[in-house]
Amino acid sequence: VNQRTGAWSATTLVLGMGFVASFTISLIVEGRATFALQNMQPWY
């Protein structure tokens, strides 16, 4: 992908698709728990 589009476009595509996939799977598997983000250290 990097050879055909450039590094930043490839990074956007790779991480964007990863976000969509992981968010969708998280909603299916964990449901509302996907949004339970309390008690997390800020730097995480």
Full PDB file with SEQRES, HELIX, SHEET, SSBOND, CRYST1, ORIGX, SCALE, CONECT and MASTER records, all heavy atoms in Angstrom:
SEQRES   1 A   44  VAL ASN GLN ARG THR GLY ALA TRP SER ALA THR THR LEU          
SEQRES   2 A   44  VAL LEU GLY MET GLY PHE VAL ALA SER PHE THR ILE SER          
SEQRES   3 A   44  LEU ILE VAL GLU GLY ARG ALA THR PHE ALA LEU GLN ASN          
SEQRES   4 A   44  MET GLN PRO TRP TYR                                          
HELIX    1 AA1 ASN A    2  THR A    5  1                                   4    
HELIX    2 AA2 ALA A    7  GLU A   30  1                                  24    
HELIX    3 AA3 GLY A   31  PHE A   35  5                                   5    
CRYST1    1.000    1.000    1.000  90.00  90.00  90.00 P 1           1          
ORIGX1      1.000000  0.000000  0.000000        0.00000                         
ORIGX2      0.000000  1.000000  0.000000        0.00000                         
ORIGX3      0.000000  0.000000  1.000000        0.00000                         
SCALE1      1.000000  0.000000  0.000000        0.00000                         
SCALE2      0.000000  1.000000  0.000000        0.00000                         
SCALE3      0.000000  0.000000  1.000000        0.00000                         
ATOM      1  N   VAL A   1       0.850  -1.199   0.000  1.00  0.00           N  
ATOM      2  CA  VAL A   1       0.000   0.000   0.000  1.00  0.00           C  
ATOM      3  C   VAL A   1       0.884   1.247   0.000  1.00  0.00           C  
ATOM      4  O   VAL A   1       0.631   2.201  -0.745  1.00  0.00           O  
ATOM      5  CB  VAL A   1      -0.963   0.002   1.216  1.00  0.00           C  
ATOM      6  CG1 VAL A   1      -1.713   1.322   1.313  1.00  0.00           C  
ATOM      7  CG2 VAL A   1      -1.944  -1.162   1.124  1.00  0.00           C  
ATOM      8  N   ASN A   2       1.930   1.241   0.797  1.00  0.00           N  
ATOM      9  CA  ASN A   2       2.853   2.366   0.906  1.00  0.00           C  
ATOM     10  C   ASN A   2       3.493   2.687  -0.442  1.00  0.00           C  
ATOM     11  O   ASN A   2       3.640   3.857  -0.811  1.00  0.00           O  
ATOM     12  CB  ASN A   2       3.922   2.045   1.948  1.00  0.00           C  
ATOM     13  CG  ASN A   2       4.883   3.181   2.194  1.00  0.00           C  
ATOM     14  OD1 ASN A   2       4.566   4.347   1.990  1.00  0.00           O  
ATOM     15  ND2 ASN A   2       6.065   2.850   2.659  1.00  0.00           N  
ATOM     16  N   GLN A   3       3.860   1.667  -1.206  1.00  0.00           N  
ATOM     17  CA  GLN A   3       4.494   1.878  -2.515  1.00  0.00           C  
ATOM     18  C   GLN A   3       3.534   2.513  -3.521  1.00  0.00           C  
ATOM     19  O   GLN A   3       3.950   3.197  -4.444  1.00  0.00           O  
ATOM     20  CB  GLN A   3       5.007   0.545  -3.073  1.00  0.00           C  
ATOM     21  CG  GLN A   3       6.188   0.013  -2.331  1.00  0.00           C  
ATOM     22  CD  GLN A   3       6.584  -1.382  -2.811  1.00  0.00           C  
ATOM     23  OE1 GLN A   3       5.962  -1.956  -3.701  1.00  0.00           O  
ATOM     24  NE2 GLN A   3       7.619  -1.918  -2.205  1.00  0.00           N  
ATOM     25  N   ARG A   4       2.239   2.302  -3.343  1.00  0.00           N  
ATOM     26  CA  ARG A   4       1.267   2.795  -4.308  1.00  0.00           C  
ATOM     27  C   ARG A   4       0.608   4.112  -3.901  1.00  0.00           C  
ATOM     28  O   ARG A   4       0.064   4.807  -4.740  1.00  0.00           O  
ATOM     29  CB  ARG A   4       0.202   1.723  -4.545  1.00  0.00           C  
ATOM     30  CG  ARG A   4       0.744   0.560  -5.355  1.00  0.00           C  
ATOM     31  CD  ARG A   4      -0.106  -0.681  -5.241  1.00  0.00           C  
ATOM     32  NE  ARG A   4       0.396  -1.781  -6.031  1.00  0.00           N  
ATOM     33  CZ  ARG A   4       1.430  -2.544  -5.706  1.00  0.00           C  
ATOM     34  NH1 ARG A   4       2.110  -2.306  -4.607  1.00  0.00           N  
ATOM     35  NH2 ARG A   4       1.810  -3.539  -6.469  1.00  0.00           N  
ATOM     36  N   THR A   5       0.645   4.447  -2.600  1.00  0.00           N  
ATOM     37  CA  THR A   5      -0.055   5.650  -2.166  1.00  0.00           C  
ATOM     38  C   THR A   5       0.822   6.649  -1.442  1.00  0.00           C  
ATOM     39  O   THR A   5       0.543   7.829  -1.472  1.00  0.00           O  
ATOM     40  CB  THR A   5      -1.215   5.305  -1.196  1.00  0.00           C  
ATOM     41  OG1 THR A   5      -0.661   4.732  -0.014  1.00  0.00           O  
ATOM     42  CG2 THR A   5      -2.202   4.355  -1.834  1.00  0.00           C  
ATOM     43  N   GLY A   6       1.834   6.213  -0.737  1.00  0.00           N  
ATOM     44  CA  GLY A   6       2.633   7.079   0.117  1.00  0.00           C  
ATOM     45  C   GLY A   6       2.429   6.691   1.569  1.00  0.00           C  
ATOM     46  O   GLY A   6       1.417   6.079   1.934  1.00  0.00           O  
ATOM     47  N   ALA A   7       3.384   7.045   2.380  1.00  0.00           N  
ATOM     48  CA  ALA A   7       3.419   6.586   3.767  1.00  0.00           C  
ATOM     49  C   ALA A   7       2.220   7.056   4.592  1.00  0.00           C  
ATOM     50  O   ALA A   7       1.620   6.271   5.323  1.00  0.00           O  
ATOM     51  CB  ALA A   7       4.718   7.020   4.428  1.00  0.00           C  
ATOM     52  N   TRP A   8       1.879   8.336   4.495  1.00  0.00           N  
ATOM     53  CA  TRP A   8       0.792   8.839   5.338  1.00  0.00           C  
ATOM     54  C   TRP A   8      -0.574   8.349   4.873  1.00  0.00           C  
ATOM     55  O   TRP A   8      -1.442   8.046   5.690  1.00  0.00           O  
ATOM     56  CB  TRP A   8       0.837  10.363   5.437  1.00  0.00           C  
ATOM     57  CG  TRP A   8       1.983  10.778   6.313  1.00  0.00           C  
ATOM     58  CD1 TRP A   8       3.153  11.346   5.911  1.00  0.00           C  
ATOM     59  CD2 TRP A   8       2.081  10.596   7.730  1.00  0.00           C  
ATOM     60  NE1 TRP A   8       3.973  11.530   6.994  1.00  0.00           N  
ATOM     61  CE2 TRP A   8       3.348  11.087   8.128  1.00  0.00           C  
ATOM     62  CE3 TRP A   8       1.241  10.071   8.706  1.00  0.00           C  
ATOM     63  CZ2 TRP A   8       3.785  11.066   9.443  1.00  0.00           C  
ATOM     64  CZ3 TRP A   8       1.678  10.060  10.016  1.00  0.00           C  
ATOM     65  CH2 TRP A   8       2.928  10.544  10.372  1.00  0.00           C  
ATOM     66  N   SER A   9      -0.754   8.227   3.581  1.00  0.00           N  
ATOM     67  CA  SER A   9      -2.012   7.665   3.076  1.00  0.00           C  
ATOM     68  C   SER A   9      -2.142   6.208   3.491  1.00  0.00           C  
ATOM     69  O   SER A   9      -3.219   5.750   3.888  1.00  0.00           O  
ATOM     70  CB  SER A   9      -2.077   7.757   1.549  1.00  0.00           C  
ATOM     71  OG  SER A   9      -2.073   9.096   1.139  1.00  0.00           O  
ATOM     72  N   ALA A  10      -1.054   5.477   3.385  1.00  0.00           N  
ATOM     73  CA  ALA A  10      -1.064   4.064   3.781  1.00  0.00           C  
ATOM     74  C   ALA A  10      -1.352   3.922   5.270  1.00  0.00           C  
ATOM     75  O   ALA A  10      -2.149   3.071   5.679  1.00  0.00           O  
ATOM     76  CB  ALA A  10       0.266   3.408   3.437  1.00  0.00           C  
ATOM     77  N   THR A  11      -0.729   4.762   6.089  1.00  0.00           N  
ATOM     78  CA  THR A  11      -0.964   4.714   7.534  1.00  0.00           C  
ATOM     79  C   THR A  11      -2.416   5.011   7.845  1.00  0.00           C  
ATOM     80  O   THR A  11      -3.048   4.328   8.665  1.00  0.00           O  
ATOM     81  CB  THR A  11      -0.038   5.719   8.261  1.00  0.00           C  
ATOM     82  OG1 THR A  11       1.323   5.381   7.970  1.00  0.00           O  
ATOM     83  CG2 THR A  11      -0.256   5.689   9.759  1.00  0.00           C  
ATOM     84  N   THR A  12      -2.973   6.009   7.181  1.00  0.00           N  
ATOM     85  CA  THR A  12      -4.380   6.355   7.388  1.00  0.00           C  
ATOM     86  C   THR A  12      -5.285   5.199   6.996  1.00  0.00           C  
ATOM     87  O   THR A  12      -6.205   4.835   7.741  1.00  0.00           O  
ATOM     88  CB  THR A  12      -4.738   7.617   6.568  1.00  0.00           C  
ATOM     89  OG1 THR A  12      -3.884   8.689   6.966  1.00  0.00           O  
ATOM     90  CG2 THR A  12      -6.188   8.008   6.769  1.00  0.00           C  
ATOM     91  N   LEU A  13      -5.011   4.607   5.851  1.00  0.00           N  
ATOM     92  CA  LEU A  13      -5.824   3.484   5.379  1.00  0.00           C  
ATOM     93  C   LEU A  13      -5.718   2.290   6.324  1.00  0.00           C  
ATOM     94  O   LEU A  13      -6.734   1.720   6.742  1.00  0.00           O  
ATOM     95  CB  LEU A  13      -5.379   3.080   3.970  1.00  0.00           C  
ATOM     96  CG  LEU A  13      -6.119   1.902   3.349  1.00  0.00           C  
ATOM     97  CD1 LEU A  13      -7.584   2.264   3.108  1.00  0.00           C  
ATOM     98  CD2 LEU A  13      -5.462   1.492   2.049  1.00  0.00           C  
ATOM     99  N   VAL A  14      -4.505   1.930   6.700  1.00  0.00           N  
ATOM    100  CA  VAL A  14      -4.278   0.765   7.560  1.00  0.00           C  
ATOM    101  C   VAL A  14      -4.936   0.956   8.925  1.00  0.00           C  
ATOM    102  O   VAL A  14      -5.689   0.092   9.397  1.00  0.00           O  
ATOM    103  CB  VAL A  14      -2.760   0.512   7.727  1.00  0.00           C  
ATOM    104  CG1 VAL A  14      -2.463  -0.443   8.860  1.00  0.00           C  
ATOM    105  CG2 VAL A  14      -2.165   0.004   6.425  1.00  0.00           C  
ATOM    106  N   LEU A  15      -4.671   2.079   9.560  1.00  0.00           N  
ATOM    107  CA  LEU A  15      -5.219   2.297  10.901  1.00  0.00           C  
ATOM    108  C   LEU A  15      -6.715   2.596  10.853  1.00  0.00           C  
ATOM    109  O   LEU A  15      -7.453   2.219  11.768  1.00  0.00           O  
ATOM    110  CB  LEU A  15      -4.451   3.406  11.621  1.00  0.00           C  
ATOM    111  CG  LEU A  15      -2.992   3.054  11.927  1.00  0.00           C  
ATOM    112  CD1 LEU A  15      -2.276   4.240  12.558  1.00  0.00           C  
ATOM    113  CD2 LEU A  15      -2.881   1.832  12.801  1.00  0.00           C  
ATOM    114  N   GLY A  16      -7.181   3.247   9.794  1.00  0.00           N  
ATOM    115  CA  GLY A  16      -8.616   3.503   9.653  1.00  0.00           C  
ATOM    116  C   GLY A  16      -9.400   2.211   9.490  1.00  0.00           C  
ATOM    117  O   GLY A  16     -10.431   2.005  10.145  1.00  0.00           O  
ATOM    118  N   MET A  17      -8.901   1.321   8.650  1.00  0.00           N  
ATOM    119  CA  MET A  17      -9.570   0.029   8.474  1.00  0.00           C  
ATOM    120  C   MET A  17      -9.495  -0.794   9.756  1.00  0.00           C  
ATOM    121  O   MET A  17     -10.444  -1.498  10.110  1.00  0.00           O  
ATOM    122  CB  MET A  17      -8.962  -0.733   7.305  1.00  0.00           C  
ATOM    123  CG  MET A  17      -9.303  -0.119   5.964  1.00  0.00           C  
ATOM    124  SD  MET A  17      -8.591  -0.990   4.562  1.00  0.00           S  
ATOM    125  CE  MET A  17      -9.460  -2.536   4.655  1.00  0.00           C  
ATOM    126  N   GLY A  18      -8.359  -0.698  10.450  1.00  0.00           N  
ATOM    127  CA  GLY A  18      -8.222  -1.397  11.727  1.00  0.00           C  
ATOM    128  C   GLY A  18      -9.214  -0.883  12.753  1.00  0.00           C  
ATOM    129  O   GLY A  18      -9.805  -1.659  13.512  1.00  0.00           O  
ATOM    130  N   PHE A  19      -9.422   0.435  12.768  1.00  0.00           N  
ATOM    131  CA  PHE A  19     -10.395   1.016  13.685  1.00  0.00           C  
ATOM    132  C   PHE A  19     -11.800   0.506  13.381  1.00  0.00           C  
ATOM    133  O   PHE A  19     -12.523   0.073  14.279  1.00  0.00           O  
ATOM    134  CB  PHE A  19     -10.373   2.544  13.618  1.00  0.00           C  
ATOM    135  CG  PHE A  19     -11.540   3.173  14.328  1.00  0.00           C  
ATOM    136  CD1 PHE A  19     -11.563   3.237  15.710  1.00  0.00           C  
ATOM    137  CD2 PHE A  19     -12.627   3.659  13.619  1.00  0.00           C  
ATOM    138  CE1 PHE A  19     -12.655   3.788  16.379  1.00  0.00           C  
ATOM    139  CE2 PHE A  19     -13.718   4.202  14.268  1.00  0.00           C  
ATOM    140  CZ  PHE A  19     -13.735   4.276  15.657  1.00  0.00           C  
ATOM    141  N   VAL A  20     -12.193   0.569  12.122  1.00  0.00           N  
ATOM    142  CA  VAL A  20     -13.538   0.133  11.740  1.00  0.00           C  
ATOM    143  C   VAL A  20     -13.741  -1.338  12.100  1.00  0.00           C  
ATOM    144  O   VAL A  20     -14.763  -1.715  12.686  1.00  0.00           O  
ATOM    145  CB  VAL A  20     -13.791   0.377  10.229  1.00  0.00           C  
ATOM    146  CG1 VAL A  20     -15.070  -0.300   9.772  1.00  0.00           C  
ATOM    147  CG2 VAL A  20     -13.830   1.869   9.937  1.00  0.00           C  
ATOM    148  N   ALA A  21     -12.750  -2.174  11.790  1.00  0.00           N  
ATOM    149  CA  ALA A  21     -12.868  -3.608  12.077  1.00  0.00           C  
ATOM    150  C   ALA A  21     -12.925  -3.874  13.575  1.00  0.00           C  
ATOM    151  O   ALA A  21     -13.803  -4.610  14.058  1.00  0.00           O  
ATOM    152  CB  ALA A  21     -11.703  -4.362  11.447  1.00  0.00           C  
ATOM    153  N   SER A  22     -12.006  -3.277  14.339  1.00  0.00           N  
ATOM    154  CA  SER A  22     -11.984  -3.554  15.776  1.00  0.00           C  
ATOM    155  C   SER A  22     -13.197  -2.967  16.488  1.00  0.00           C  
ATOM    156  O   SER A  22     -13.741  -3.583  17.412  1.00  0.00           O  
ATOM    157  CB  SER A  22     -10.684  -3.049  16.416  1.00  0.00           C  
ATOM    158  OG  SER A  22     -10.567  -1.656  16.268  1.00  0.00           O  
ATOM    159  N   PHE A  23     -13.653  -1.805  16.051  1.00  0.00           N  
ATOM    160  CA  PHE A  23     -14.837  -1.199  16.664  1.00  0.00           C  
ATOM    161  C   PHE A  23     -16.079  -2.058  16.403  1.00  0.00           C  
ATOM    162  O   PHE A  23     -16.861  -2.327  17.312  1.00  0.00           O  
ATOM    163  CB  PHE A  23     -15.038   0.221  16.123  1.00  0.00           C  
ATOM    164  CG  PHE A  23     -16.142   0.979  16.797  1.00  0.00           C  
ATOM    165  CD1 PHE A  23     -16.055   1.320  18.139  1.00  0.00           C  
ATOM    166  CD2 PHE A  23     -17.277   1.354  16.093  1.00  0.00           C  
ATOM    167  CE1 PHE A  23     -17.075   2.024  18.768  1.00  0.00           C  
ATOM    168  CE2 PHE A  23     -18.301   2.051  16.711  1.00  0.00           C  
ATOM    169  CZ  PHE A  23     -18.197   2.387  18.055  1.00  0.00           C  
ATOM    170  N   THR A  24     -16.209  -2.530  15.179  1.00  0.00           N  
ATOM    171  CA  THR A  24     -17.360  -3.378  14.828  1.00  0.00           C  
ATOM    172  C   THR A  24     -17.340  -4.683  15.622  1.00  0.00           C  
ATOM    173  O   THR A  24     -18.350  -5.090  16.211  1.00  0.00           O  
ATOM    174  CB  THR A  24     -17.363  -3.678  13.310  1.00  0.00           C  
ATOM    175  OG1 THR A  24     -17.405  -2.435  12.604  1.00  0.00           O  
ATOM    176  CG2 THR A  24     -18.540  -4.540  12.920  1.00  0.00           C  
ATOM    177  N   ILE A  25     -16.189  -5.334  15.662  1.00  0.00           N  
ATOM    178  CA  ILE A  25     -16.075  -6.595  16.399  1.00  0.00           C  
ATOM    179  C   ILE A  25     -16.293  -6.371  17.890  1.00  0.00           C  
ATOM    180  O   ILE A  25     -16.957  -7.163  18.560  1.00  0.00           O  
ATOM    181  CB  ILE A  25     -14.719  -7.270  16.117  1.00  0.00           C  
ATOM    182  CG1 ILE A  25     -14.664  -7.703  14.647  1.00  0.00           C  
ATOM    183  CG2 ILE A  25     -14.484  -8.460  17.045  1.00  0.00           C  
ATOM    184  CD1 ILE A  25     -13.287  -8.111  14.169  1.00  0.00           C  
ATOM    185  N   SER A  26     -15.770  -5.270  18.420  1.00  0.00           N  
ATOM    186  CA  SER A  26     -15.972  -4.953  19.833  1.00  0.00           C  
ATOM    187  C   SER A  26     -17.447  -4.775  20.157  1.00  0.00           C  
ATOM    188  O   SER A  26     -17.937  -5.261  21.182  1.00  0.00           O  
ATOM    189  CB  SER A  26     -15.198  -3.685  20.206  1.00  0.00           C  
ATOM    190  OG  SER A  26     -15.407  -3.357  21.556  1.00  0.00           O  
ATOM    191  N   LEU A  27     -18.175  -4.078  19.292  1.00  0.00           N  
ATOM    192  CA  LEU A  27     -19.610  -3.896  19.512  1.00  0.00           C  
ATOM    193  C   LEU A  27     -20.349  -5.234  19.485  1.00  0.00           C  
ATOM    194  O   LEU A  27     -21.261  -5.473  20.285  1.00  0.00           O  
ATOM    195  CB  LEU A  27     -20.208  -2.950  18.480  1.00  0.00           C  
ATOM    196  CG  LEU A  27     -19.853  -1.473  18.642  1.00  0.00           C  
ATOM    197  CD1 LEU A  27     -20.390  -0.670  17.464  1.00  0.00           C  
ATOM    198  CD2 LEU A  27     -20.372  -0.923  19.957  1.00  0.00           C  
ATOM    199  N   ILE A  28     -19.945  -6.116  18.589  1.00  0.00           N  
ATOM    200  CA  ILE A  28     -20.590  -7.428  18.486  1.00  0.00           C  
ATOM    201  C   ILE A  28     -20.265  -8.288  19.707  1.00  0.00           C  
ATOM    202  O   ILE A  28     -21.149  -8.911  20.293  1.00  0.00           O  
ATOM    203  CB  ILE A  28     -20.155  -8.140  17.184  1.00  0.00           C  
ATOM    204  CG1 ILE A  28     -20.725  -7.397  15.964  1.00  0.00           C  
ATOM    205  CG2 ILE A  28     -20.592  -9.607  17.184  1.00  0.00           C  
ATOM    206  CD1 ILE A  28     -20.119  -7.831  14.643  1.00  0.00           C  
ATOM    207  N   VAL A  29     -19.006  -8.309  20.101  1.00  0.00           N  
ATOM    208  CA  VAL A  29     -18.565  -9.201  21.181  1.00  0.00           C  
ATOM    209  C   VAL A  29     -18.837  -8.623  22.567  1.00  0.00           C  
ATOM    210  O   VAL A  29     -19.315  -9.330  23.456  1.00  0.00           O  
ATOM    211  CB  VAL A  29     -17.062  -9.531  21.026  1.00  0.00           C  
ATOM    212  CG1 VAL A  29     -16.535 -10.322  22.203  1.00  0.00           C  
ATOM    213  CG2 VAL A  29     -16.820 -10.277  19.723  1.00  0.00           C  
ATOM    214  N   GLU A  30     -18.538  -7.336  22.769  1.00  0.00           N  
ATOM    215  CA  GLU A  30     -18.627  -6.745  24.098  1.00  0.00           C  
ATOM    216  C   GLU A  30     -19.834  -5.843  24.293  1.00  0.00           C  
ATOM    217  O   GLU A  30     -20.130  -5.454  25.424  1.00  0.00           O  
ATOM    218  CB  GLU A  30     -17.343  -5.962  24.393  1.00  0.00           C  
ATOM    219  CG  GLU A  30     -16.108  -6.853  24.417  1.00  0.00           C  
ATOM    220  CD  GLU A  30     -14.826  -6.077  24.645  1.00  0.00           C  
ATOM    221  OE1 GLU A  30     -14.861  -4.825  24.658  1.00  0.00           O  
ATOM    222  OE2 GLU A  30     -13.788  -6.726  24.793  1.00  0.00           O  
ATOM    223  N   GLY A  31     -20.476  -5.466  23.221  1.00  0.00           N  
ATOM    224  CA  GLY A  31     -21.656  -4.616  23.333  1.00  0.00           C  
ATOM    225  C   GLY A  31     -21.339  -3.280  23.982  1.00  0.00           C  
ATOM    226  O   GLY A  31     -20.355  -2.627  23.645  1.00  0.00           O  
ATOM    227  N   ARG A  32     -22.167  -2.901  24.959  1.00  0.00           N  
ATOM    228  CA  ARG A  32     -22.002  -1.597  25.620  1.00  0.00           C  
ATOM    229  C   ARG A  32     -20.697  -1.484  26.410  1.00  0.00           C  
ATOM    230  O   ARG A  32     -20.233  -0.384  26.681  1.00  0.00           O  
ATOM    231  CB  ARG A  32     -23.174  -1.342  26.556  1.00  0.00           C  
ATOM    232  CG  ARG A  32     -24.440  -1.057  25.822  1.00  0.00           C  
ATOM    233  CD  ARG A  32     -25.530  -0.741  26.792  1.00  0.00           C  
ATOM    234  NE  ARG A  32     -26.477   0.136  26.121  1.00  0.00           N  
ATOM    235  CZ  ARG A  32     -27.442   0.737  26.718  1.00  0.00           C  
ATOM    236  NH1 ARG A  32     -27.619   0.584  28.020  1.00  0.00           N  
ATOM    237  NH2 ARG A  32     -28.259   1.506  26.033  1.00  0.00           N  
ATOM    238  N   ALA A  33     -20.123  -2.609  26.786  1.00  0.00           N  
ATOM    239  CA  ALA A  33     -18.855  -2.574  27.524  1.00  0.00           C  
ATOM    240  C   ALA A  33     -17.745  -1.931  26.697  1.00  0.00           C  
ATOM    241  O   ALA A  33     -16.721  -1.509  27.245  1.00  0.00           O  
ATOM    242  CB  ALA A  33     -18.449  -3.987  27.946  1.00  0.00           C  
ATOM    243  N   THR A  34     -17.943  -1.834  25.397  1.00  0.00           N  
ATOM    244  CA  THR A  34     -16.979  -1.154  24.528  1.00  0.00           C  
ATOM    245  C   THR A  34     -16.725   0.269  25.009  1.00  0.00           C  
ATOM    246  O   THR A  34     -15.613   0.787  24.889  1.00  0.00           O  
ATOM    247  CB  THR A  34     -17.514  -1.119  23.075  1.00  0.00           C  
ATOM    248  OG1 THR A  34     -17.641  -2.458  22.612  1.00  0.00           O  
ATOM    249  CG2 THR A  34     -16.601  -0.347  22.156  1.00  0.00           C  
ATOM    250  N   PHE A  35     -17.743   0.891  25.576  1.00  0.00           N  
ATOM    251  CA  PHE A  35     -17.642   2.289  25.978  1.00  0.00           C  
ATOM    252  C   PHE A  35     -17.299   2.477  27.459  1.00  0.00           C  
ATOM    253  O   PHE A  35     -17.255   3.610  27.936  1.00  0.00           O  
ATOM    254  CB  PHE A  35     -18.951   3.017  25.645  1.00  0.00           C  
ATOM    255  CG  PHE A  35     -19.316   2.881  24.196  1.00  0.00           C  
ATOM    256  CD1 PHE A  35     -20.295   1.997  23.782  1.00  0.00           C  
ATOM    257  CD2 PHE A  35     -18.643   3.618  23.227  1.00  0.00           C  
ATOM    258  CE1 PHE A  35     -20.617   1.855  22.440  1.00  0.00           C  
ATOM    259  CE2 PHE A  35     -18.958   3.480  21.882  1.00  0.00           C  
ATOM    260  CZ  PHE A  35     -19.940   2.603  21.486  1.00  0.00           C  
ATOM    261  N   ALA A  36     -17.041   1.399  28.183  1.00  0.00           N  
ATOM    262  CA  ALA A  36     -16.692   1.478  29.613  1.00  0.00           C  
ATOM    263  C   ALA A  36     -15.192   1.702  29.733  1.00  0.00           C  
ATOM    264  O   ALA A  36     -14.412   0.758  29.791  1.00  0.00           O  
ATOM    265  CB  ALA A  36     -17.120   0.202  30.331  1.00  0.00           C  
ATOM    266  N   LEU A  37     -14.803   2.954  29.762  1.00  0.00           N  
ATOM    267  CA  LEU A  37     -13.383   3.296  29.737  1.00  0.00           C  
ATOM    268  C   LEU A  37     -12.907   3.988  31.019  1.00  0.00           C  
ATOM    269  O   LEU A  37     -11.846   4.613  31.025  1.00  0.00           O  
ATOM    270  CB  LEU A  37     -13.098   4.199  28.532  1.00  0.00           C  
ATOM    271  CG  LEU A  37     -13.470   3.610  27.170  1.00  0.00           C  
ATOM    272  CD1 LEU A  37     -13.260   4.644  26.073  1.00  0.00           C  
ATOM    273  CD2 LEU A  37     -12.686   2.350  26.879  1.00  0.00           C  
ATOM    274  N   GLN A  38     -13.693   3.902  32.077  1.00  0.00           N  
ATOM    275  CA  GLN A  38     -13.300   4.566  33.309  1.00  0.00           C  
ATOM    276  C   GLN A  38     -12.139   3.824  33.978  1.00  0.00           C  
ATOM    277  O   GLN A  38     -11.813   2.715  33.627  1.00  0.00           O  
ATOM    278  CB  GLN A  38     -14.495   4.719  34.273  1.00  0.00           C  
ATOM    279  CG  GLN A  38     -15.261   3.460  34.575  1.00  0.00           C  
ATOM    280  CD  GLN A  38     -16.318   3.121  33.547  1.00  0.00           C  
ATOM    281  OE1 GLN A  38     -16.042   3.149  32.369  1.00  0.00           O  
ATOM    282  NE2 GLN A  38     -17.496   2.779  33.973  1.00  0.00           N  
ATOM    283  N   ASN A  39     -11.539   4.491  34.935  1.00  0.00           N  
ATOM    284  CA  ASN A  39     -10.415   3.942  35.709  1.00  0.00           C  
ATOM    285  C   ASN A  39      -9.198   3.606  34.841  1.00  0.00           C  
ATOM    286  O   ASN A  39      -8.478   2.668  35.117  1.00  0.00           O  
ATOM    287  CB  ASN A  39     -10.844   2.697  36.504  1.00  0.00           C  
ATOM    288  CG  ASN A  39     -11.963   3.005  37.466  1.00  0.00           C  
ATOM    289  OD1 ASN A  39     -12.010   4.088  38.051  1.00  0.00           O  
ATOM    290  ND2 ASN A  39     -12.878   2.081  37.623  1.00  0.00           N  
ATOM    291  N   MET A  40      -8.998   4.374  33.791  1.00  0.00           N  
ATOM    292  CA  MET A  40      -7.843   4.162  32.936  1.00  0.00           C  
ATOM    293  C   MET A  40      -6.880   5.338  33.128  1.00  0.00           C  
ATOM    294  O   MET A  40      -7.308   6.481  33.194  1.00  0.00           O  
ATOM    295  CB  MET A  40      -8.266   4.057  31.469  1.00  0.00           C  
ATOM    296  CG  MET A  40      -7.139   3.588  30.598  1.00  0.00           C  
ATOM    297  SD  MET A  40      -7.552   3.076  28.911  1.00  0.00           S  
ATOM    298  CE  MET A  40      -8.913   4.047  28.442  1.00  0.00           C  
ATOM    299  N   GLN A  41      -5.589   5.011  33.220  1.00  0.00           N  
ATOM    300  CA  GLN A  41      -4.590   6.062  33.359  1.00  0.00           C  
ATOM    301  C   GLN A  41      -4.632   6.968  32.124  1.00  0.00           C  
ATOM    302  O   GLN A  41      -4.743   6.461  30.995  1.00  0.00           O  
ATOM    303  CB  GLN A  41      -3.192   5.453  33.502  1.00  0.00           C  
ATOM    304  CG  GLN A  41      -3.008   4.629  34.747  1.00  0.00           C  
ATOM    305  CD  GLN A  41      -3.035   5.486  36.009  1.00  0.00           C  
ATOM    306  OE1 GLN A  41      -2.810   6.698  35.964  1.00  0.00           O  
ATOM    307  NE2 GLN A  41      -3.329   4.865  37.134  1.00  0.00           N  
ATOM    308  N   PRO A  42      -4.522   8.280  32.282  1.00  0.00           N  
ATOM    309  CA  PRO A  42      -4.642   9.206  31.146  1.00  0.00           C  
ATOM    310  C   PRO A  42      -3.639   8.940  30.016  1.00  0.00           C  
ATOM    311  O   PRO A  42      -3.976   9.076  28.847  1.00  0.00           O  
ATOM    312  CB  PRO A  42      -4.387  10.583  31.764  1.00  0.00           C  
ATOM    313  CG  PRO A  42      -4.672  10.421  33.211  1.00  0.00           C  
ATOM    314  CD  PRO A  42      -4.377   8.989  33.552  1.00  0.00           C  
ATOM    315  N   TRP A  43      -2.421   8.531  30.350  1.00  0.00           N  
ATOM    316  CA  TRP A  43      -1.427   8.345  29.298  1.00  0.00           C  
ATOM    317  C   TRP A  43      -1.713   7.124  28.428  1.00  0.00           C  
ATOM    318  O   TRP A  43      -1.177   7.001  27.340  1.00  0.00           O  
ATOM    319  CB  TRP A  43      -0.002   8.293  29.846  1.00  0.00           C  
ATOM    320  CG  TRP A  43       0.255   7.209  30.843  1.00  0.00           C  
ATOM    321  CD1 TRP A  43       0.515   5.898  30.572  1.00  0.00           C  
ATOM    322  CD2 TRP A  43       0.275   7.340  32.250  1.00  0.00           C  
ATOM    323  NE1 TRP A  43       0.690   5.205  31.734  1.00  0.00           N  
ATOM    324  CE2 TRP A  43       0.561   6.065  32.787  1.00  0.00           C  
ATOM    325  CE3 TRP A  43       0.093   8.399  33.131  1.00  0.00           C  
ATOM    326  CZ2 TRP A  43       0.656   5.835  34.148  1.00  0.00           C  
ATOM    327  CZ3 TRP A  43       0.196   8.154  34.481  1.00  0.00           C  
ATOM    328  CH2 TRP A  43       0.473   6.896  34.980  1.00  0.00           C  
ATOM    329  N   TYR A  44      -2.559   6.225  28.869  1.00  0.00           N  
ATOM    330  CA  TYR A  44      -2.905   5.075  28.036  1.00  0.00           C  
ATOM    331  C   TYR A  44      -3.740   5.493  26.825  1.00  0.00           C  
ATOM    332  O   TYR A  44      -3.835   4.753  25.853  1.00  0.00           O  
ATOM    333  CB  TYR A  44      -3.653   4.016  28.837  1.00  0.00           C  
ATOM    334  CG  TYR A  44      -2.803   3.352  29.902  1.00  0.00           C  
ATOM    335  CD1 TYR A  44      -3.380   2.771  31.011  1.00  0.00           C  
ATOM    336  CD2 TYR A  44      -1.418   3.285  29.796  1.00  0.00           C  
ATOM    337  CE1 TYR A  44      -2.622   2.155  31.983  1.00  0.00           C  
ATOM    338  CE2 TYR A  44      -0.646   2.681  30.769  1.00  0.00           C  
ATOM    339  CZ  TYR A  44      -1.252   2.110  31.855  1.00  0.00           C  
ATOM    340  OH  TYR A  44      -0.495   1.502  32.814  1.00  0.00           O  
TER     341      TYR A  44                                                      
MASTER        0    0    0    3    0    0    0    6  340    1    0    4          
END                                                                             
